[in-house]
N, C-alpha and C. Protein backbone atom coordinates (compact mmCIF):
# COMPACT_ATOMS: atom_id res chain seq x y z
N MET A 1 -11.99 9.91 -10.68
CA MET A 1 -10.82 10.28 -11.31
C MET A 1 -11.23 9.48 -12.59
N LYS A 2 -11.28 10.10 -13.74
CA LYS A 2 -11.28 9.70 -15.34
C LYS A 2 -10.29 8.74 -15.57
N TYR A 3 -10.37 7.23 -16.03
CA TYR A 3 -9.53 6.72 -16.59
C TYR A 3 -8.66 7.09 -17.52
N ARG A 4 -9.25 8.10 -18.26
CA ARG A 4 -8.54 8.63 -19.53
C ARG A 4 -7.21 9.71 -19.11
N LEU A 5 -7.48 9.97 -17.75
CA LEU A 5 -6.08 10.82 -17.28
C LEU A 5 -5.09 10.23 -17.04
N MET A 6 -5.34 9.03 -16.88
CA MET A 6 -3.99 8.02 -17.01
C MET A 6 -3.11 8.05 -18.10
N ASP A 7 -3.61 8.75 -19.12
CA ASP A 7 -2.86 9.02 -20.52
C ASP A 7 -2.02 10.30 -20.06
N ILE A 8 -2.39 11.29 -19.26
CA ILE A 8 -1.33 12.46 -19.14
C ILE A 8 -0.71 12.71 -17.92
N LEU A 9 -1.00 11.83 -16.71
CA LEU A 9 -0.70 11.95 -15.33
C LEU A 9 0.87 10.74 -15.13
N ALA A 10 1.56 12.05 -14.80
CA ALA A 10 3.13 11.22 -14.28
C ALA A 10 3.61 11.80 -12.64
N CYS A 11 4.20 10.90 -12.35
CA CYS A 11 4.67 11.18 -10.93
C CYS A 11 5.36 12.54 -10.83
N PRO A 12 4.63 13.39 -9.96
CA PRO A 12 5.12 14.63 -9.91
C PRO A 12 6.42 14.69 -9.37
N ILE A 13 7.04 13.27 -8.61
CA ILE A 13 8.43 13.72 -7.76
C ILE A 13 9.63 13.27 -9.43
N CYS A 14 9.21 12.17 -9.72
CA CYS A 14 10.35 11.68 -10.62
C CYS A 14 10.14 11.66 -12.13
N LYS A 15 8.75 11.75 -12.79
CA LYS A 15 8.11 12.37 -13.91
C LYS A 15 7.61 11.07 -14.55
N ARG A 16 7.91 10.05 -13.93
CA ARG A 16 7.41 8.28 -14.71
C ARG A 16 5.94 8.53 -15.18
N PHE A 17 5.95 7.48 -16.26
CA PHE A 17 4.90 7.73 -17.06
C PHE A 17 4.93 6.39 -17.56
N PRO A 18 3.85 5.49 -17.43
CA PRO A 18 2.66 5.65 -16.97
C PRO A 18 2.85 5.12 -15.68
N LEU A 19 1.89 5.56 -14.62
CA LEU A 19 1.59 5.24 -13.24
C LEU A 19 0.87 3.80 -13.32
N GLU A 20 0.92 3.14 -12.11
CA GLU A 20 0.22 1.89 -12.11
C GLU A 20 -1.12 2.37 -11.42
N LEU A 21 -2.33 2.20 -11.54
CA LEU A 21 -3.82 2.27 -11.17
C LEU A 21 -4.00 1.24 -10.09
N TYR A 22 -4.57 1.33 -8.97
CA TYR A 22 -5.30 0.04 -8.16
C TYR A 22 -7.06 0.61 -7.92
N VAL A 23 -7.49 0.13 -8.61
CA VAL A 23 -9.20 0.65 -8.40
C VAL A 23 -9.96 -0.31 -7.00
N LEU A 24 -9.99 0.64 -6.18
CA LEU A 24 -10.95 0.28 -5.03
C LEU A 24 -12.64 0.03 -4.88
N LYS A 25 -12.68 1.42 -5.76
CA LYS A 25 -14.12 1.44 -5.75
C LYS A 25 -14.48 2.30 -6.98
N GLU A 26 -15.40 2.20 -7.71
CA GLU A 26 -15.75 2.50 -9.15
C GLU A 26 -17.00 3.08 -9.16
N ASN A 27 -17.36 4.27 -9.42
CA ASN A 27 -18.52 5.00 -9.64
C ASN A 27 -18.80 4.66 -11.67
N HIS A 28 -20.26 4.11 -11.71
CA HIS A 28 -20.83 4.05 -13.14
C HIS A 28 -22.06 5.58 -13.14
N TYR A 29 -21.75 5.82 -14.55
CA TYR A 29 -22.56 6.95 -14.93
C TYR A 29 -23.42 6.45 -16.36
N GLU A 30 -24.46 5.73 -16.15
CA GLU A 30 -24.80 4.92 -17.45
C GLU A 30 -25.29 6.33 -18.50
N LYS A 31 -25.24 7.64 -18.09
CA LYS A 31 -25.99 8.25 -19.23
C LYS A 31 -24.72 9.47 -19.87
N ARG A 32 -23.89 9.10 -19.38
CA ARG A 32 -22.54 9.76 -20.14
C ARG A 32 -22.44 8.96 -21.71
N GLU A 33 -22.16 9.88 -22.32
CA GLU A 33 -22.04 9.30 -24.01
C GLU A 33 -20.52 9.87 -24.12
N LEU A 34 -20.18 9.04 -25.49
CA LEU A 34 -19.00 9.57 -26.16
C LEU A 34 -18.75 10.73 -26.92
N GLY A 35 -20.10 10.70 -27.53
CA GLY A 35 -20.57 11.66 -28.65
C GLY A 35 -19.73 11.41 -29.85
N GLU A 36 -19.42 12.49 -30.35
CA GLU A 36 -18.58 12.38 -31.57
C GLU A 36 -17.32 12.36 -32.10
N ARG A 37 -16.78 12.03 -30.83
CA ARG A 37 -15.25 11.79 -30.49
C ARG A 37 -14.38 10.79 -31.33
N GLU A 38 -13.40 10.87 -31.75
CA GLU A 38 -12.59 9.93 -32.56
C GLU A 38 -11.85 8.85 -31.46
N LYS A 39 -12.08 7.64 -31.97
CA LYS A 39 -11.42 6.50 -31.12
C LYS A 39 -9.95 6.42 -31.82
N PRO A 40 -9.06 6.37 -30.81
CA PRO A 40 -9.06 6.24 -29.43
C PRO A 40 -9.22 7.53 -28.96
N VAL A 41 -9.72 7.94 -28.09
CA VAL A 41 -9.75 9.35 -27.18
C VAL A 41 -8.34 9.58 -26.47
N CYS A 42 -7.90 8.51 -25.85
CA CYS A 42 -6.18 8.80 -25.20
C CYS A 42 -5.47 8.46 -26.50
N GLU A 43 -3.88 9.22 -26.04
CA GLU A 43 -2.98 9.21 -27.22
C GLU A 43 -2.07 7.99 -26.91
N LEU A 44 -1.95 8.02 -25.59
CA LEU A 44 -0.50 7.02 -25.44
C LEU A 44 -1.03 5.77 -24.79
N TYR A 45 -1.59 6.04 -23.82
CA TYR A 45 -1.97 4.92 -22.68
C TYR A 45 -3.54 5.07 -22.17
N CYS A 46 -4.14 3.92 -22.35
CA CYS A 46 -5.46 3.36 -21.97
C CYS A 46 -5.42 2.88 -20.45
N GLY A 47 -5.89 3.82 -19.59
CA GLY A 47 -6.41 3.53 -17.97
C GLY A 47 -7.20 2.45 -17.82
N TYR A 48 -7.87 2.58 -18.59
CA TYR A 48 -9.16 1.53 -18.18
C TYR A 48 -8.68 0.18 -18.45
N LEU A 49 -8.07 -0.19 -19.63
CA LEU A 49 -7.37 -1.44 -19.98
C LEU A 49 -5.73 -1.48 -19.47
N ARG A 50 -5.57 -0.63 -18.83
CA ARG A 50 -3.96 -0.52 -18.47
C ARG A 50 -2.90 -1.25 -19.47
N LYS A 51 -3.50 -0.51 -20.86
CA LYS A 51 -2.40 -0.54 -21.69
C LYS A 51 -2.02 0.53 -22.69
N ASN A 52 -0.90 0.31 -23.65
CA ASN A 52 -0.42 1.49 -24.38
C ASN A 52 -1.62 0.90 -25.66
N VAL A 53 -1.67 2.54 -25.80
CA VAL A 53 -3.05 2.67 -26.91
C VAL A 53 -2.49 1.56 -28.16
N SER A 54 -1.43 1.76 -28.86
CA SER A 54 -0.88 1.30 -29.73
C SER A 54 -0.81 -0.36 -29.85
N GLU A 55 -1.45 -0.84 -28.59
CA GLU A 55 -1.44 -2.43 -28.61
C GLU A 55 -3.09 -2.73 -28.67
N LEU A 56 -4.14 -1.94 -29.09
CA LEU A 56 -5.35 -2.13 -28.82
C LEU A 56 -6.16 -1.87 -30.16
N LYS A 57 -6.84 -2.93 -30.25
CA LYS A 57 -7.33 -3.09 -31.94
C LYS A 57 -8.69 -2.35 -31.72
N GLU A 58 -9.34 -2.47 -30.76
CA GLU A 58 -10.79 -1.65 -30.76
C GLU A 58 -10.63 -1.21 -29.03
N PRO A 59 -10.32 0.28 -28.66
CA PRO A 59 -10.53 0.40 -27.53
C PRO A 59 -11.64 0.82 -27.03
N PRO A 60 -11.94 0.66 -25.77
CA PRO A 60 -13.23 0.55 -25.06
C PRO A 60 -13.87 1.96 -24.86
N CYS A 61 -13.63 3.07 -25.29
CA CYS A 61 -13.72 4.50 -24.93
C CYS A 61 -15.25 4.25 -24.52
N ASP A 62 -16.13 4.33 -25.29
CA ASP A 62 -17.56 4.02 -24.78
C ASP A 62 -17.34 3.46 -23.51
N VAL A 63 -17.41 2.45 -22.86
CA VAL A 63 -17.30 2.18 -21.82
C VAL A 63 -16.50 2.88 -20.74
N CYS A 64 -15.34 3.11 -20.95
CA CYS A 64 -14.71 3.94 -20.11
C CYS A 64 -15.14 5.28 -19.64
N PHE A 65 -15.86 6.11 -20.84
CA PHE A 65 -16.37 7.75 -20.51
C PHE A 65 -17.80 7.35 -19.30
N LYS A 66 -18.27 5.86 -19.28
CA LYS A 66 -19.29 5.81 -18.11
C LYS A 66 -18.69 5.52 -16.91
N ARG A 67 -17.36 5.58 -16.54
CA ARG A 67 -16.96 5.14 -15.26
C ARG A 67 -15.83 6.02 -14.94
N GLU A 68 -15.84 6.23 -13.68
CA GLU A 68 -14.64 6.61 -13.05
C GLU A 68 -14.41 5.99 -11.46
N VAL A 69 -13.27 6.35 -11.19
CA VAL A 69 -12.68 5.72 -9.98
C VAL A 69 -12.76 6.43 -8.91
N ASP A 70 -13.60 5.96 -8.05
CA ASP A 70 -13.92 6.71 -6.87
C ASP A 70 -12.93 7.00 -5.63
N GLU A 71 -12.50 5.72 -5.59
CA GLU A 71 -11.42 5.64 -4.40
C GLU A 71 -10.26 4.35 -5.03
N GLY A 72 -9.12 4.96 -4.92
CA GLY A 72 -7.97 3.97 -5.79
C GLY A 72 -6.62 4.61 -5.35
N VAL A 73 -5.58 4.05 -5.80
CA VAL A 73 -4.36 4.37 -5.69
C VAL A 73 -3.53 4.28 -7.03
N LEU A 74 -2.89 5.59 -7.20
CA LEU A 74 -1.69 5.71 -8.42
C LEU A 74 -0.63 5.43 -7.65
N TYR A 75 0.12 4.45 -8.55
CA TYR A 75 1.45 4.13 -7.67
C TYR A 75 2.72 4.30 -9.06
N CYS A 76 3.81 4.84 -8.41
CA CYS A 76 4.85 5.09 -9.53
C CYS A 76 5.81 3.81 -9.21
N PRO A 77 5.93 2.84 -9.96
CA PRO A 77 6.90 1.87 -9.65
C PRO A 77 8.66 2.24 -9.73
N SER A 78 8.74 3.43 -9.96
CA SER A 78 10.20 3.96 -10.38
C SER A 78 10.69 4.62 -8.81
N CYS A 79 9.97 5.34 -8.38
CA CYS A 79 10.18 5.89 -7.22
C CYS A 79 9.49 5.28 -5.95
N GLY A 80 8.51 4.70 -6.06
CA GLY A 80 7.79 3.84 -5.17
C GLY A 80 6.70 4.93 -4.07
N ARG A 81 6.55 6.10 -4.89
CA ARG A 81 5.51 6.76 -3.92
C ARG A 81 4.14 6.33 -4.68
N TRP A 82 3.29 6.44 -3.64
CA TRP A 82 1.89 6.46 -4.27
C TRP A 82 0.77 7.65 -3.82
N TYR A 83 -0.40 7.84 -4.34
CA TYR A 83 -1.14 8.99 -4.35
C TYR A 83 -2.56 8.38 -4.31
N PRO A 84 -3.42 8.59 -3.12
CA PRO A 84 -4.54 8.09 -3.26
C PRO A 84 -5.38 8.85 -4.08
N ILE A 85 -6.38 8.29 -4.20
CA ILE A 85 -7.55 8.63 -5.17
C ILE A 85 -8.79 9.06 -4.23
N VAL A 86 -9.21 9.86 -3.86
CA VAL A 86 -10.57 10.24 -2.57
C VAL A 86 -11.63 10.84 -3.45
N GLU A 87 -12.52 10.37 -3.48
CA GLU A 87 -13.72 10.87 -3.89
C GLU A 87 -13.66 11.38 -5.53
N GLU A 88 -13.41 10.40 -6.29
CA GLU A 88 -13.12 10.83 -7.45
C GLU A 88 -11.79 11.78 -7.82
N ILE A 89 -11.16 12.31 -6.98
CA ILE A 89 -9.54 13.08 -6.91
C ILE A 89 -8.44 12.74 -6.55
N PRO A 90 -7.73 12.51 -7.47
CA PRO A 90 -6.49 12.00 -7.20
C PRO A 90 -5.49 12.81 -6.56
N ARG A 91 -4.99 12.74 -5.70
CA ARG A 91 -4.00 13.76 -4.38
C ARG A 91 -2.70 13.71 -4.73
N MET A 92 -2.46 14.28 -5.61
CA MET A 92 -0.65 14.18 -6.55
C MET A 92 0.14 15.26 -5.76
N LEU A 93 0.17 15.20 -4.30
CA LEU A 93 0.90 16.11 -3.84
C LEU A 93 2.29 15.96 -3.54
N PRO A 94 3.46 16.90 -3.40
CA PRO A 94 4.75 16.52 -3.04
C PRO A 94 4.64 16.07 -1.90
N ASP A 95 5.64 15.40 -1.16
CA ASP A 95 5.87 14.54 0.27
C ASP A 95 5.48 15.76 1.23
N GLU A 96 6.22 16.99 1.31
CA GLU A 96 6.21 17.81 2.19
C GLU A 96 4.63 18.63 2.46
N LEU A 97 3.78 18.48 1.35
CA LEU A 97 2.29 18.63 1.37
C LEU A 97 1.25 17.52 1.75
N ARG A 98 1.80 16.47 1.92
CA ARG A 98 1.00 15.54 2.35
C ARG A 98 0.62 15.61 3.63
N ASN A 99 -0.59 14.83 4.08
CA ASN A 99 -0.74 14.73 5.33
C ASN A 99 -0.83 13.34 5.85
N ARG A 100 0.13 13.13 6.61
CA ARG A 100 0.56 12.04 7.34
C ARG A 100 -0.69 11.14 7.79
N LYS A 101 -1.27 11.54 8.92
CA LYS A 101 -2.60 10.94 9.23
C LYS A 101 -3.68 10.61 8.48
N GLU A 102 -3.72 11.25 7.37
CA GLU A 102 -4.80 10.91 6.52
C GLU A 102 -4.45 9.72 5.61
N ASP A 103 -3.00 9.77 5.17
CA ASP A 103 -2.63 8.78 4.49
C ASP A 103 -2.34 7.53 4.92
N LEU A 104 -2.20 7.54 6.15
CA LEU A 104 -2.00 6.57 7.02
C LEU A 104 -3.33 5.60 7.29
N GLU A 105 -4.62 6.59 7.64
CA GLU A 105 -5.59 6.12 7.78
C GLU A 105 -6.33 5.35 6.29
N PHE A 106 -6.00 6.18 5.34
CA PHE A 106 -6.20 5.60 4.12
C PHE A 106 -5.86 4.23 4.00
N LEU A 107 -4.31 3.96 3.93
CA LEU A 107 -3.53 2.63 3.98
C LEU A 107 -4.17 1.68 4.92
N SER A 108 -4.61 2.27 6.20
CA SER A 108 -5.31 1.18 7.10
C SER A 108 -6.67 0.80 6.64
N LYS A 109 -7.17 1.44 6.13
CA LYS A 109 -8.75 0.99 5.84
C LYS A 109 -8.42 0.17 4.52
N TYR A 110 -7.62 0.29 3.14
CA TYR A 110 -7.60 -0.77 2.51
C TYR A 110 -6.55 -1.48 2.57
N LYS A 111 -6.01 -1.55 3.54
CA LYS A 111 -4.66 -2.53 3.45
C LYS A 111 -4.67 -4.03 3.00
N ASP A 112 -6.04 -4.25 3.10
CA ASP A 112 -6.15 -5.76 2.78
C ASP A 112 -6.61 -5.82 1.21
N LYS A 113 -6.46 -4.62 0.61
CA LYS A 113 -7.22 -4.78 -0.76
C LYS A 113 -5.77 -4.24 -1.69
N LEU A 114 -4.71 -3.90 -1.22
CA LEU A 114 -3.55 -2.96 -1.60
C LEU A 114 -2.79 -3.83 -1.84
N PRO A 115 -1.56 -4.05 -3.01
CA PRO A 115 -0.46 -4.51 -2.83
C PRO A 115 0.38 -4.55 -1.58
N GLU A 116 1.55 -5.15 -1.16
CA GLU A 116 2.19 -5.12 -0.04
C GLU A 116 3.32 -3.89 -0.48
N LYS A 117 3.47 -3.76 -1.54
CA LYS A 117 4.55 -2.68 -1.85
C LYS A 117 4.18 -1.11 -1.74
N ILE A 118 3.00 -1.20 -1.73
CA ILE A 118 2.14 0.04 -1.44
C ILE A 118 2.02 0.24 0.23
N VAL A 119 1.45 -0.57 0.85
CA VAL A 119 1.25 -0.54 1.96
C VAL A 119 2.17 -0.73 3.24
N TYR A 120 3.53 -1.63 2.70
CA TYR A 120 4.31 -1.76 3.67
C TYR A 120 5.59 -1.17 3.22
N GLU A 121 5.62 -0.29 2.06
CA GLU A 121 7.06 -0.13 1.55
C GLU A 121 6.85 1.35 0.97
N GLY A 122 5.49 1.67 0.43
CA GLY A 122 5.38 2.99 -0.03
C GLY A 122 5.59 3.94 0.47
N LYS A 123 6.29 5.07 -0.35
CA LYS A 123 6.64 6.47 0.27
C LYS A 123 5.55 7.60 -0.18
N PRO A 124 5.55 8.68 0.46
CA PRO A 124 6.50 8.84 1.86
C PRO A 124 5.97 8.28 3.24
N PHE A 125 4.79 7.68 3.34
CA PHE A 125 4.29 7.10 4.51
C PHE A 125 3.91 5.66 4.03
N ASN A 126 3.90 4.87 5.33
CA ASN A 126 3.39 3.24 5.02
C ASN A 126 3.63 2.95 6.09
N LEU A 127 2.71 1.91 6.15
CA LEU A 127 2.02 0.77 7.75
C LEU A 127 3.33 0.59 8.25
N LYS A 128 4.60 0.21 8.09
CA LYS A 128 5.37 -0.34 8.48
C LYS A 128 6.41 0.53 8.97
N THR A 129 6.54 1.96 8.97
CA THR A 129 7.17 3.17 9.62
C THR A 129 6.42 3.95 10.08
N SER A 130 5.09 3.51 10.27
CA SER A 130 4.10 4.31 11.09
C SER A 130 4.54 4.66 12.08
């Protein structure tokens, strides 16, 4: 998932923006270039630095363009839902379309690298209520 998607992603359930990002694995692509784009690329929120764009003096767009989140979690602090990022793709599905078994396997795999609020309290599935 491109870090700059954090500038537009909101919780599909409660519409909270911005979401919290927990990076578990990152891919680096050295040949990607920003090109002639004007900085900052993101309008409101820099997902790479996890700050509002208005707080940044020199946004790291050149660095951000060369990195993507391969494995991670998007977390909504308002409703407590979490969404896995698998093979660079955020899986932001409503509760009824989520795969309980896959979500619990993901949590089990990364339980030592994620906060307890996700692992043991996150919605719609967590390791406490499995």
